[in-house]
Amino acid sequence: MDRCAMEFIARRWWRRAEVWAIAIVLVAGGTVLGYQACYWSLAEKQAMQVEEIRSAYAAAMNERDKRLDELTRKTGTAVEKASKAATTATQAADKALEAVDRVSQ
């Protein structure tokens, strides 16, 4: 074959190699871009789930605080009632002692 034909064939094969190289670069770039988009979407969903968990935890803590406040209030009223009952029992014991003293005199 003469030189012109050889150069034509070489250029043709080189163009094919260039097209394949460009195709490989484009596919690799698309793969990396797709992976990054997936990872970004996953990170966004995870952040939303963490936010939901935090809000649920905050709501549970508020409910717990309400229950503790109610328990504290009920305990306070129970202490007041027990104190009144103890005072009444002390007064009754004092009156019983007075009655015993009167009887023994």
PDB file of N, CA and C in Angstrom:
ATOM      1  N   MET A   1       0.844  -1.172   0.000  1.00  0.00           N
ATOM      2  CA  MET A   1       0.000   0.000   0.000  1.00  0.00           C
ATOM      3  C   MET A   1       0.886   1.230   0.000  1.00  0.00           C
ATOM      4  N   ASP A   2       0.360   2.196  -0.597  1.00  0.00           N
ATOM      5  CA  ASP A   2       1.170   3.410  -0.624  1.00  0.00           C
ATOM      6  C   ASP A   2       0.974   4.206   0.650  1.00  0.00           C
ATOM      7  N   ARG A   3       1.757   5.185   0.777  1.00  0.00           N
ATOM      8  CA  ARG A   3       1.818   5.969   2.016  1.00  0.00           C
ATOM      9  C   ARG A   3       0.508   6.697   2.299  1.00  0.00           C
ATOM     10  N   CYS A   4      -0.144   7.211   1.302  1.00  0.00           N
ATOM     11  CA  CYS A   4      -1.395   7.962   1.466  1.00  0.00           C
ATOM     12  C   CYS A   4      -2.486   7.058   2.051  1.00  0.00           C
ATOM     13  N   ALA A   5      -2.570   5.846   1.556  1.00  0.00           N
ATOM     14  CA  ALA A   5      -3.568   4.908   2.067  1.00  0.00           C
ATOM     15  C   ALA A   5      -3.272   4.530   3.509  1.00  0.00           C
ATOM     16  N   MET A   6      -2.003   4.332   3.820  1.00  0.00           N
ATOM     17  CA  MET A   6      -1.619   3.989   5.198  1.00  0.00           C
ATOM     18  C   MET A   6      -1.970   5.127   6.163  1.00  0.00           C
ATOM     19  N   GLU A   7      -1.701   6.350   5.751  1.00  0.00           N
ATOM     20  CA  GLU A   7      -2.037   7.493   6.614  1.00  0.00           C
ATOM     21  C   GLU A   7      -3.547   7.609   6.795  1.00  0.00           C
ATOM     22  N   PHE A   8      -4.310   7.343   5.718  1.00  0.00           N
ATOM     23  CA  PHE A   8      -5.764   7.394   5.809  1.00  0.00           C
ATOM     24  C   PHE A   8      -6.287   6.362   6.810  1.00  0.00           C
ATOM     25  N   ILE A   9      -5.768   5.151   6.724  1.00  0.00           N
ATOM     26  CA  ILE A   9      -6.184   4.085   7.644  1.00  0.00           C
ATOM     27  C   ILE A   9      -5.769   4.426   9.073  1.00  0.00           C
ATOM     28  N   ALA A  10      -4.565   4.943   9.249  1.00  0.00           N
ATOM     29  CA  ALA A  10      -4.086   5.303  10.587  1.00  0.00           C
ATOM     30  C   ALA A  10      -4.941   6.407  11.190  1.00  0.00           C
ATOM     31  N   ARG A  11      -5.272   7.414  10.361  1.00  0.00           N
ATOM     32  CA  ARG A  11      -6.136   8.491  10.883  1.00  0.00           C
ATOM     33  C   ARG A  11      -7.514   7.961  11.247  1.00  0.00           C
ATOM     34  N   ARG A  12      -8.023   7.059  10.408  1.00  0.00           N
ATOM     35  CA  ARG A  12      -9.341   6.494  10.689  1.00  0.00           C
ATOM     36  C   ARG A  12      -9.324   5.721  12.004  1.00  0.00           C
ATOM     37  N   TRP A  13      -8.339   4.886  12.242  1.00  0.00           N
ATOM     38  CA  TRP A  13      -8.249   4.126  13.486  1.00  0.00           C
ATOM     39  C   TRP A  13      -7.981   5.036  14.673  1.00  0.00           C
ATOM     40  N   TRP A  14      -7.192   6.062  14.460  1.00  0.00           N
ATOM     41  CA  TRP A  14      -6.927   7.008  15.551  1.00  0.00           C
ATOM     42  C   TRP A  14      -8.211   7.720  15.960  1.00  0.00           C
ATOM     43  N   ARG A  15      -9.033   8.094  14.973  1.00  0.00           N
ATOM     44  CA  ARG A  15     -10.316   8.738  15.285  1.00  0.00           C
ATOM     45  C   ARG A  15     -11.215   7.784  16.074  1.00  0.00           C
ATOM     46  N   ARG A  16     -11.218   6.524  15.686  1.00  0.00           N
ATOM     47  CA  ARG A  16     -12.006   5.544  16.448  1.00  0.00           C
ATOM     48  C   ARG A  16     -11.505   5.449  17.888  1.00  0.00           C
ATOM     49  N   ALA A  17     -10.199   5.422  18.044  1.00  0.00           N
ATOM     50  CA  ALA A  17      -9.628   5.362  19.399  1.00  0.00           C
ATOM     51  C   ALA A  17      -9.983   6.621  20.180  1.00  0.00           C
ATOM     52  N   GLU A  18      -9.952   7.770  19.510  1.00  0.00           N
ATOM     53  CA  GLU A  18     -10.333   9.014  20.187  1.00  0.00           C
ATOM     54  C   GLU A  18     -11.797   8.968  20.616  1.00  0.00           C
ATOM     55  N   VAL A  19     -12.660   8.495  19.744  1.00  0.00           N
ATOM     56  CA  VAL A  19     -14.088   8.408  20.072  1.00  0.00           C
ATOM     57  C   VAL A  19     -14.294   7.483  21.264  1.00  0.00           C
ATOM     58  N   TRP A  20     -13.625   6.336  21.279  1.00  0.00           N
ATOM     59  CA  TRP A  20     -13.764   5.419  22.408  1.00  0.00           C
ATOM     60  C   TRP A  20     -13.212   6.036  23.692  1.00  0.00           C
ATOM     61  N   ALA A  21     -12.093   6.734  23.592  1.00  0.00           N
ATOM     62  CA  ALA A  21     -11.516   7.375  24.782  1.00  0.00           C
ATOM     63  C   ALA A  21     -12.464   8.437  25.324  1.00  0.00           C
ATOM     64  N   ILE A  22     -13.033   9.243  24.424  1.00  0.00           N
ATOM     65  CA  ILE A  22     -13.990  10.272  24.862  1.00  0.00           C
ATOM     66  C   ILE A  22     -15.222   9.612  25.470  1.00  0.00           C
ATOM     67  N   ALA A  23     -15.698   8.527  24.861  1.00  0.00           N
ATOM     68  CA  ALA A  23     -16.867   7.821  25.402  1.00  0.00           C
ATOM     69  C   ALA A  23     -16.571   7.277  26.794  1.00  0.00           C
ATOM     70  N   ILE A  24     -15.386   6.709  26.979  1.00  0.00           N
ATOM     71  CA  ILE A  24     -15.015   6.180  28.301  1.00  0.00           C
ATOM     72  C   ILE A  24     -14.943   7.298  29.326  1.00  0.00           C
ATOM     73  N   VAL A  25     -14.363   8.435  28.937  1.00  0.00           N
ATOM     74  CA  VAL A  25     -14.279   9.576  29.860  1.00  0.00           C
ATOM     75  C   VAL A  25     -15.674  10.078  30.212  1.00  0.00           C
ATOM     76  N   LEU A  26     -16.562  10.165  29.213  1.00  0.00           N
ATOM     77  CA  LEU A  26     -17.928  10.626  29.487  1.00  0.00           C
ATOM     78  C   LEU A  26     -18.684   9.656  30.393  1.00  0.00           C
ATOM     79  N   VAL A  27     -18.550   8.365  30.145  1.00  0.00           N
ATOM     80  CA  VAL A  27     -19.232   7.369  30.985  1.00  0.00           C
ATOM     81  C   VAL A  27     -18.674   7.415  32.404  1.00  0.00           C
ATOM     82  N   ALA A  28     -17.359   7.514  32.535  1.00  0.00           N
ATOM     83  CA  ALA A  28     -16.758   7.587  33.874  1.00  0.00           C
ATOM     84  C   ALA A  28     -17.208   8.851  34.596  1.00  0.00           C
ATOM     85  N   GLY A  29     -17.241   9.968  33.883  1.00  0.00           N
ATOM     86  CA  GLY A  29     -17.708  11.217  34.494  1.00  0.00           C
ATOM     87  C   GLY A  29     -19.159  11.132  34.920  1.00  0.00           C
ATOM     88  N   GLY A  30     -19.994  10.525  34.071  1.00  0.00           N
ATOM     89  CA  GLY A  30     -21.402  10.347  34.424  1.00  0.00           C
ATOM     90  C   GLY A  30     -21.574   9.441  35.629  1.00  0.00           C
ATOM     91  N   THR A  31     -20.741   8.409  35.703  1.00  0.00           N
ATOM     92  CA  THR A  31     -20.801   7.500  36.851  1.00  0.00           C
ATOM     93  C   THR A  31     -20.427   8.225  38.135  1.00  0.00           C
ATOM     94  N   VAL A  32     -19.364   8.997  38.077  1.00  0.00           N
ATOM     95  CA  VAL A  32     -18.937   9.744  39.267  1.00  0.00           C
ATOM     96  C   VAL A  32     -19.991  10.768  39.650  1.00  0.00           C
ATOM     97  N   LEU A  33     -20.547  11.467  38.659  1.00  0.00           N
ATOM     98  CA  LEU A  33     -21.585  12.458  38.946  1.00  0.00           C
ATOM     99  C   LEU A  33     -22.823  11.786  39.543  1.00  0.00           C
ATOM    100  N   GLY A  34     -23.210  10.627  39.002  1.00  0.00           N
ATOM    101  CA  GLY A  34     -24.352   9.894  39.557  1.00  0.00           C
ATOM    102  C   GLY A  34     -24.099   9.438  40.978  1.00  0.00           C
ATOM    103  N   TYR A  35     -22.898   8.958  41.237  1.00  0.00           N
ATOM    104  CA  TYR A  35     -22.542   8.530  42.593  1.00  0.00           C
ATOM    105  C   TYR A  35     -22.610   9.710  43.558  1.00  0.00           C
ATOM    106  N   GLN A  36     -22.079  10.847  43.148  1.00  0.00           N
ATOM    107  CA  GLN A  36     -22.106  12.025  44.014  1.00  0.00           C
ATOM    108  C   GLN A  36     -23.539  12.499  44.261  1.00  0.00           C
ATOM    109  N   ALA A  37     -24.378  12.462  43.234  1.00  0.00           N
ATOM    110  CA  ALA A  37     -25.778  12.857  43.402  1.00  0.00           C
ATOM    111  C   ALA A  37     -26.487  11.905  44.357  1.00  0.00           C
ATOM    112  N   CYS A  38     -26.220  10.607  44.225  1.00  0.00           N
ATOM    113  CA  CYS A  38     -26.817   9.617  45.138  1.00  0.00           C
ATOM    114  C   CYS A  38     -26.362   9.859  46.568  1.00  0.00           C
ATOM    115  N   TYR A  39     -25.088  10.093  46.729  1.00  0.00           N
ATOM    116  CA  TYR A  39     -24.536  10.316  48.062  1.00  0.00           C
ATOM    117  C   TYR A  39     -25.119  11.581  48.675  1.00  0.00           C
ATOM    118  N   TRP A  40     -25.273  12.632  47.882  1.00  0.00           N
ATOM    119  CA  TRP A  40     -25.845  13.879  48.374  1.00  0.00           C
ATOM    120  C   TRP A  40     -27.297  13.668  48.795  1.00  0.00           C
ATOM    121  N   SER A  41     -28.052  12.929  47.974  1.00  0.00           N
ATOM    122  CA  SER A  41     -29.446  12.642  48.301  1.00  0.00           C
ATOM    123  C   SER A  41     -29.542  11.814  49.577  1.00  0.00           C
ATOM    124  N   LEU A  42     -28.669  10.835  49.714  1.00  0.00           N
ATOM    125  CA  LEU A  42     -28.655  10.004  50.915  1.00  0.00           C
ATOM    126  C   LEU A  42     -28.320  10.831  52.150  1.00  0.00           C
ATOM    127  N   ALA A  43     -27.354  11.724  52.023  1.00  0.00           N
ATOM    128  CA  ALA A  43     -26.987  12.578  53.156  1.00  0.00           C
ATOM    129  C   ALA A  43     -28.140  13.498  53.530  1.00  0.00           C
ATOM    130  N   GLU A  44     -28.863  14.002  52.539  1.00  0.00           N
ATOM    131  CA  GLU A  44     -30.005  14.870  52.811  1.00  0.00           C
ATOM    132  C   GLU A  44     -31.114  14.102  53.537  1.00  0.00           C
ATOM    133  N   LYS A  45     -31.388  12.885  53.082  1.00  0.00           N
ATOM    134  CA  LYS A  45     -32.419  12.069  53.738  1.00  0.00           C
ATOM    135  C   LYS A  45     -32.009  11.722  55.166  1.00  0.00           C
ATOM    136  N   GLN A  46     -30.740  11.421  55.343  1.00  0.00           N
ATOM    137  CA  GLN A  46     -30.261  11.098  56.684  1.00  0.00           C
ATOM    138  C   GLN A  46     -30.375  12.313  57.598  1.00  0.00           C
ATOM    139  N   ALA A  47     -30.064  13.492  57.090  1.00  0.00           N
ATOM    140  CA  ALA A  47     -30.193  14.709  57.893  1.00  0.00           C
ATOM    141  C   ALA A  47     -31.653  14.950  58.273  1.00  0.00           C
ATOM    142  N   MET A  48     -32.580  14.673  57.346  1.00  0.00           N
ATOM    143  CA  MET A  48     -33.999  14.841  57.662  1.00  0.00           C
ATOM    144  C   MET A  48     -34.433  13.837  58.723  1.00  0.00           C
ATOM    145  N   GLN A  49     -33.938  12.603  58.640  1.00  0.00           N
ATOM    146  CA  GLN A  49     -34.282  11.597  59.648  1.00  0.00           C
ATOM    147  C   GLN A  49     -33.735  11.985  61.015  1.00  0.00           C
ATOM    148  N   VAL A  50     -32.511  12.501  61.033  1.00  0.00           N
ATOM    149  CA  VAL A  50     -31.926  12.939  62.305  1.00  0.00           C
ATOM    150  C   VAL A  50     -32.749  14.081  62.884  1.00  0.00           C
ATOM    151  N   GLU A  51     -33.207  15.001  62.041  1.00  0.00           N
ATOM    152  CA  GLU A  51     -34.041  16.111  62.509  1.00  0.00           C
ATOM    153  C   GLU A  51     -35.359  15.591  63.081  1.00  0.00           C
ATOM    154  N   GLU A  52     -35.970  14.598  62.417  1.00  0.00           N
ATOM    155  CA  GLU A  52     -37.203  14.005  62.932  1.00  0.00           C
ATOM    156  C   GLU A  52     -36.965  13.338  64.284  1.00  0.00           C
ATOM    157  N   ILE A  53     -35.861  12.635  64.404  1.00  0.00           N
ATOM    158  CA  ILE A  53     -35.538  11.965  65.668  1.00  0.00           C
ATOM    159  C   ILE A  53     -35.325  12.992  66.764  1.00  0.00           C
ATOM    160  N   ARG A  54     -34.630  14.076  66.438  1.00  0.00           N
ATOM    161  CA  ARG A  54     -34.394  15.119  67.443  1.00  0.00           C
ATOM    162  C   ARG A  54     -35.693  15.779  67.879  1.00  0.00           C
ATOM    163  N   SER A  55     -36.593  16.038  66.930  1.00  0.00           N
ATOM    164  CA  SER A  55     -37.862  16.658  67.310  1.00  0.00           C
ATOM    165  C   SER A  55     -38.706  15.696  68.146  1.00  0.00           C
ATOM    166  N   ALA A  56     -38.687  14.401  67.806  1.00  0.00           N
ATOM    167  CA  ALA A  56     -39.425  13.416  68.611  1.00  0.00           C
ATOM    168  C   ALA A  56     -38.828  13.318  70.007  1.00  0.00           C
ATOM    169  N   TYR A  57     -37.509  13.380  70.095  1.00  0.00           N
ATOM    170  CA  TYR A  57     -36.847  13.332  71.401  1.00  0.00           C
ATOM    171  C   TYR A  57     -37.211  14.564  72.226  1.00  0.00           C
ATOM    172  N   ALA A  58     -37.234  15.727  71.578  1.00  0.00           N
ATOM    173  CA  ALA A  58     -37.602  16.953  72.289  1.00  0.00           C
ATOM    174  C   ALA A  58     -39.049  16.874  72.780  1.00  0.00           C
ATOM    175  N   ALA A  59     -39.939  16.340  71.952  1.00  0.00           N
ATOM    176  CA  ALA A  59     -41.337  16.192  72.370  1.00  0.00           C
ATOM    177  C   ALA A  59     -41.444  15.223  73.544  1.00  0.00           C
ATOM    178  N   ALA A  60     -40.689  14.136  73.499  1.00  0.00           N
ATOM    179  CA  ALA A  60     -40.711  13.169  74.602  1.00  0.00           C
ATOM    180  C   ALA A  60     -40.163  13.798  75.880  1.00  0.00           C
ATOM    181  N   MET A  61     -39.129  14.603  75.761  1.00  0.00           N
ATOM    182  CA  MET A  61     -38.567  15.268  76.944  1.00  0.00           C
ATOM    183  C   MET A  61     -39.555  16.282  77.522  1.00  0.00           C
ATOM    184  N   ASN A  62     -40.278  16.994  76.653  1.00  0.00           N
ATOM    185  CA  ASN A  62     -41.299  17.927  77.140  1.00  0.00           C
ATOM    186  C   ASN A  62     -42.403  17.179  77.877  1.00  0.00           C
ATOM    187  N   GLU A  63     -42.819  16.051  77.320  1.00  0.00           N
ATOM    188  CA  GLU A  63     -43.851  15.237  77.982  1.00  0.00           C
ATOM    189  C   GLU A  63     -43.348  14.726  79.330  1.00  0.00           C
ATOM    190  N   ARG A  64     -42.096  14.285  79.365  1.00  0.00           N
ATOM    191  CA  ARG A  64     -41.512  13.809  80.624  1.00  0.00           C
ATOM    192  C   ARG A  64     -41.457  14.938  81.651  1.00  0.00           C
ATOM    193  N   ASP A  65     -41.074  16.136  81.204  1.00  0.00           N
ATOM    194  CA  ASP A  65     -41.026  17.274  82.120  1.00  0.00           C
ATOM    195  C   ASP A  65     -42.413  17.603  82.667  1.00  0.00           C
ATOM    196  N   LYS A  66     -43.434  17.515  81.797  1.00  0.00           N
ATOM    197  CA  LYS A  66     -44.803  17.765  82.263  1.00  0.00           C
ATOM    198  C   LYS A  66     -45.201  16.743  83.331  1.00  0.00           C
ATOM    199  N   ARG A  67     -44.869  15.482  83.067  1.00  0.00           N
ATOM    200  CA  ARG A  67     -45.213  14.429  84.034  1.00  0.00           C
ATOM    201  C   ARG A  67     -44.464  14.622  85.347  1.00  0.00           C
ATOM    202  N   LEU A  68     -43.196  15.002  85.258  1.00  0.00           N
ATOM    203  CA  LEU A  68     -42.431  15.244  86.486  1.00  0.00           C
ATOM    204  C   LEU A  68     -42.993  16.427  87.261  1.00  0.00           C
ATOM    205  N   ASP A  69     -43.394  17.483  86.539  1.00  0.00           N
ATOM    206  CA  ASP A  69     -44.005  18.631  87.214  1.00  0.00           C
ATOM    207  C   ASP A  69     -45.304  18.229  87.904  1.00  0.00           C
ATOM    208  N   GLU A  70     -46.115  17.419  87.208  1.00  0.00           N
ATOM    209  CA  GLU A  70     -47.370  16.946  87.799  1.00  0.00           C
ATOM    210  C   GLU A  70     -47.089  16.077  89.027  1.00  0.00           C
ATOM    211  N   LEU A  71     -46.095  15.204  88.926  1.00  0.00           N
ATOM    212  CA  LEU A  71     -45.728  14.355  90.060  1.00  0.00           C
ATOM    213  C   LEU A  71     -45.230  15.200  91.227  1.00  0.00           C
ATOM    214  N   THR A  72     -44.440  16.218  90.929  1.00  0.00           N
ATOM    215  CA  THR A  72     -43.943  17.108  91.982  1.00  0.00           C
ATOM    216  C   THR A  72     -45.096  17.842  92.655  1.00  0.00           C
ATOM    217  N   ARG A  73     -46.039  18.315  91.843  1.00  0.00           N
ATOM    218  CA  ARG A  73     -47.199  19.013  92.406  1.00  0.00           C
ATOM    219  C   ARG A  73     -48.018  18.075  93.286  1.00  0.00           C
ATOM    220  N   LYS A  74     -48.261  16.855  92.788  1.00  0.00           N
ATOM    221  CA  LYS A  74     -49.036  15.897  93.577  1.00  0.00           C
ATOM    222  C   LYS A  74     -48.294  15.509  94.848  1.00  0.00           C
ATOM    223  N   THR A  75     -46.981  15.363  94.749  1.00  0.00           N
ATOM    224  CA  THR A  75     -46.190  15.030  95.935  1.00  0.00           C
ATOM    225  C   THR A  75     -46.254  16.162  96.943  1.00  0.00           C
ATOM    226  N   GLY A  76     -46.205  17.398  96.447  1.00  0.00           N
ATOM    227  CA  GLY A  76     -46.303  18.561  97.344  1.00  0.00           C
ATOM    228  C   GLY A  76     -47.637  18.598  98.067  1.00  0.00           C
ATOM    229  N   THR A  77     -48.734  18.338  97.346  1.00  0.00           N
ATOM    230  CA  THR A  77     -50.043  18.332  98.006  1.00  0.00           C
ATOM    231  C   THR A  77     -50.156  17.159  98.971  1.00  0.00           C
ATOM    232  N   ALA A  78     -49.553  16.017  98.616  1.00  0.00           N
ATOM    233  CA  ALA A  78     -49.580  14.869  99.526  1.00  0.00           C
ATOM    234  C   ALA A  78     -48.798  15.180 100.797  1.00  0.00           C
ATOM    235  N   VAL A  79     -47.683  15.879 100.659  1.00  0.00           N
ATOM    236  CA  VAL A  79     -46.896  16.260 101.841  1.00  0.00           C
ATOM    237  C   VAL A  79     -47.693  17.220 102.711  1.00  0.00           C
ATOM    238  N   GLU A  80     -48.373  18.167 102.077  1.00  0.00           N
ATOM    239  CA  GLU A  80     -49.199  19.101 102.853  1.00  0.00           C
ATOM    240  C   GLU A  80     -50.302  18.352 103.600  1.00  0.00           C
ATOM    241  N   LYS A  81     -50.966  17.419 102.935  1.00  0.00           N
ATOM    242  CA  LYS A  81     -52.028  16.653 103.588  1.00  0.00           C
ATOM    243  C   LYS A  81     -51.467  15.796 104.716  1.00  0.00           C
ATOM    244  N   ALA A  82     -50.310  15.178 104.488  1.00  0.00           N
ATOM    245  CA  ALA A  82     -49.698  14.365 105.535  1.00  0.00           C
ATOM    246  C   ALA A  82     -49.292  15.237 106.714  1.00  0.00           C
ATOM    247  N   SER A  83     -48.806  16.435 106.430  1.00  0.00           N
ATOM    248  CA  SER A  83     -48.433  17.360 107.507  1.00  0.00           C
ATOM    249  C   SER A  83     -49.663  17.762 108.317  1.00  0.00           C
ATOM    250  N   LYS A  84     -50.762  18.050 107.625  1.00  0.00           N
ATOM    251  CA  LYS A  84     -52.002  18.392 108.330  1.00  0.00           C
ATOM    252  C   LYS A  84     -52.492  17.208 109.162  1.00  0.00           C
ATOM    253  N   ALA A  85     -52.394  16.004 108.595  1.00  0.00           N
ATOM    254  CA  ALA A  85     -52.818  14.814 109.332  1.00  0.00           C
ATOM    255  C   ALA A  85     -51.935  14.597 110.551  1.00  0.00           C
ATOM    256  N   ALA A  86     -50.630  14.826 110.404  1.00  0.00           N
ATOM    257  CA  ALA A  86     -49.725  14.678 111.550  1.00  0.00           C
ATOM    258  C   ALA A  86     -50.045  15.711 112.613  1.00  0.00           C
ATOM    259  N   THR A  87     -50.334  16.936 112.190  1.00  0.00           N
ATOM    260  CA  THR A  87     -50.702  17.976 113.158  1.00  0.00           C
ATOM    261  C   THR A  87     -51.984  17.594 113.883  1.00  0.00           C
ATOM    262  N   THR A  88     -52.970  17.113 113.145  1.00  0.00           N
ATOM    263  CA  THR A  88     -54.232  16.693 113.756  1.00  0.00           C
ATOM    264  C   THR A  88     -54.000  15.517 114.701  1.00  0.00           C
ATOM    265  N   ALA A  89     -53.154  14.569 114.307  1.00  0.00           N
ATOM    266  CA  ALA A  89     -52.858  13.426 115.175  1.00  0.00           C
ATOM    267  C   ALA A  89     -52.142  13.883 116.436  1.00  0.00           C
ATOM    268  N   THR A  90     -51.247  14.854 116.301  1.00  0.00           N
ATOM    269  CA  THR A  90     -50.553  15.381 117.480  1.00  0.00           C
ATOM    270  C   THR A  90     -51.550  16.059 118.414  1.00  0.00           C
ATOM    271  N   GLN A  91     -52.452  16.836 117.835  1.00  0.00           N
ATOM    272  CA  GLN A  91     -53.469  17.499 118.665  1.00  0.00           C
ATOM    273  C   GLN A  91     -54.362  16.467 119.344  1.00  0.00           C
ATOM    274  N   ALA A  92     -54.724  15.407 118.630  1.00  0.00           N
ATOM    275  CA  ALA A  92     -55.554  14.360 119.221  1.00  0.00           C
ATOM    276  C   ALA A  92     -54.804  13.653 120.336  1.00  0.00           C
ATOM    277  N   ALA A  93     -53.509  13.410 120.135  1.00  0.00           N
ATOM    278  CA  ALA A  93     -52.706  12.771 121.181  1.00  0.00           C
ATOM    279  C   ALA A  93     -52.611  13.677 122.395  1.00  0.00           C
ATOM    280  N   ASP A  94     -52.443  14.978 122.175  1.00  0.00           N
ATOM    281  CA  ASP A  94     -52.398  15.918 123.299  1.00  0.00           C
ATOM    282  C   ASP A  94     -53.718  15.905 124.063  1.00  0.00           C
ATOM    283  N   LYS A  95     -54.837  15.906 123.354  1.00  0.00           N
ATOM    284  CA  LYS A  95     -56.142  15.885 124.026  1.00  0.00           C
ATOM    285  C   LYS A  95     -56.338  14.571 124.772  1.00  0.00           C
ATOM    286  N   ALA A  96     -55.840  13.468 124.170  1.00  0.00           N
ATOM    287  CA  ALA A  96     -55.946  12.179 124.852  1.00  0.00           C
ATOM    288  C   ALA A  96     -55.122  12.190 126.126  1.00  0.00           C
ATOM    289  N   LEU A  97     -53.943  12.796 126.100  1.00  0.00           N
ATOM    290  CA  LEU A  97     -53.114  12.912 127.304  1.00  0.00           C
ATOM    291  C   LEU A  97     -53.820  13.763 128.358  1.00  0.00           C
ATOM    292  N   GLU A  98     -54.445  14.844 127.902  1.00  0.00           N
ATOM    293  CA  GLU A  98     -55.183  15.685 128.855  1.00  0.00           C
ATOM    294  C   GLU A  98     -56.325  14.894 129.494  1.00  0.00           C
ATOM    295  N   ALA A  99     -57.012  14.094 128.676  1.00  0.00           N
ATOM    296  CA  ALA A  99     -58.116  13.297 129.208  1.00  0.00           C
ATOM    297  C   ALA A  99     -57.599  12.260 130.191  1.00  0.00           C
ATOM    298  N   VAL A 100     -56.459  11.653 129.880  1.00  0.00           N
ATOM    299  CA  VAL A 100     -55.875  10.676 130.796  1.00  0.00           C
ATOM    300  C   VAL A 100     -55.463  11.371 132.084  1.00  0.00           C
ATOM    301  N   ASP A 101     -54.887  12.562 131.988  1.00  0.00           N
ATOM    302  CA  ASP A 101     -54.489  13.308 133.181  1.00  0.00           C
ATOM    303  C   ASP A 101     -55.713  13.652 134.032  1.00  0.00           C
ATOM    304  N   ARG A 102     -56.817  14.050 133.406  1.00  0.00           N
ATOM    305  CA  ARG A 102     -58.017  14.397 134.162  1.00  0.00           C
ATOM    306  C   ARG A 102     -58.582  13.166 134.880  1.00  0.00           C
ATOM    307  N   VAL A 103     -58.549  12.048 134.169  1.00  0.00           N
ATOM    308  CA  VAL A 103     -59.090  10.830 134.769  1.00  0.00           C
ATOM    309  C   VAL A 103     -58.212  10.392 135.929  1.00  0.00           C
ATOM    310  N   SER A 104     -56.911  10.510 135.791  1.00  0.00           N
ATOM    311  CA  SER A 104     -56.013  10.053 136.847  1.00  0.00           C
ATOM    312  C   SER A 104     -55.994  11.021 138.027  1.00  0.00           C
ATOM    313  N   GLN A 105     -56.465  12.203 137.914  1.00  0.00           N
ATOM    314  CA  GLN A 105     -56.461  13.143 139.043  1.00  0.00           C
ATOM    315  C   GLN A 105     -57.530  12.834 139.977  1.00  0.00           C
TER     316      GLN A 105
END
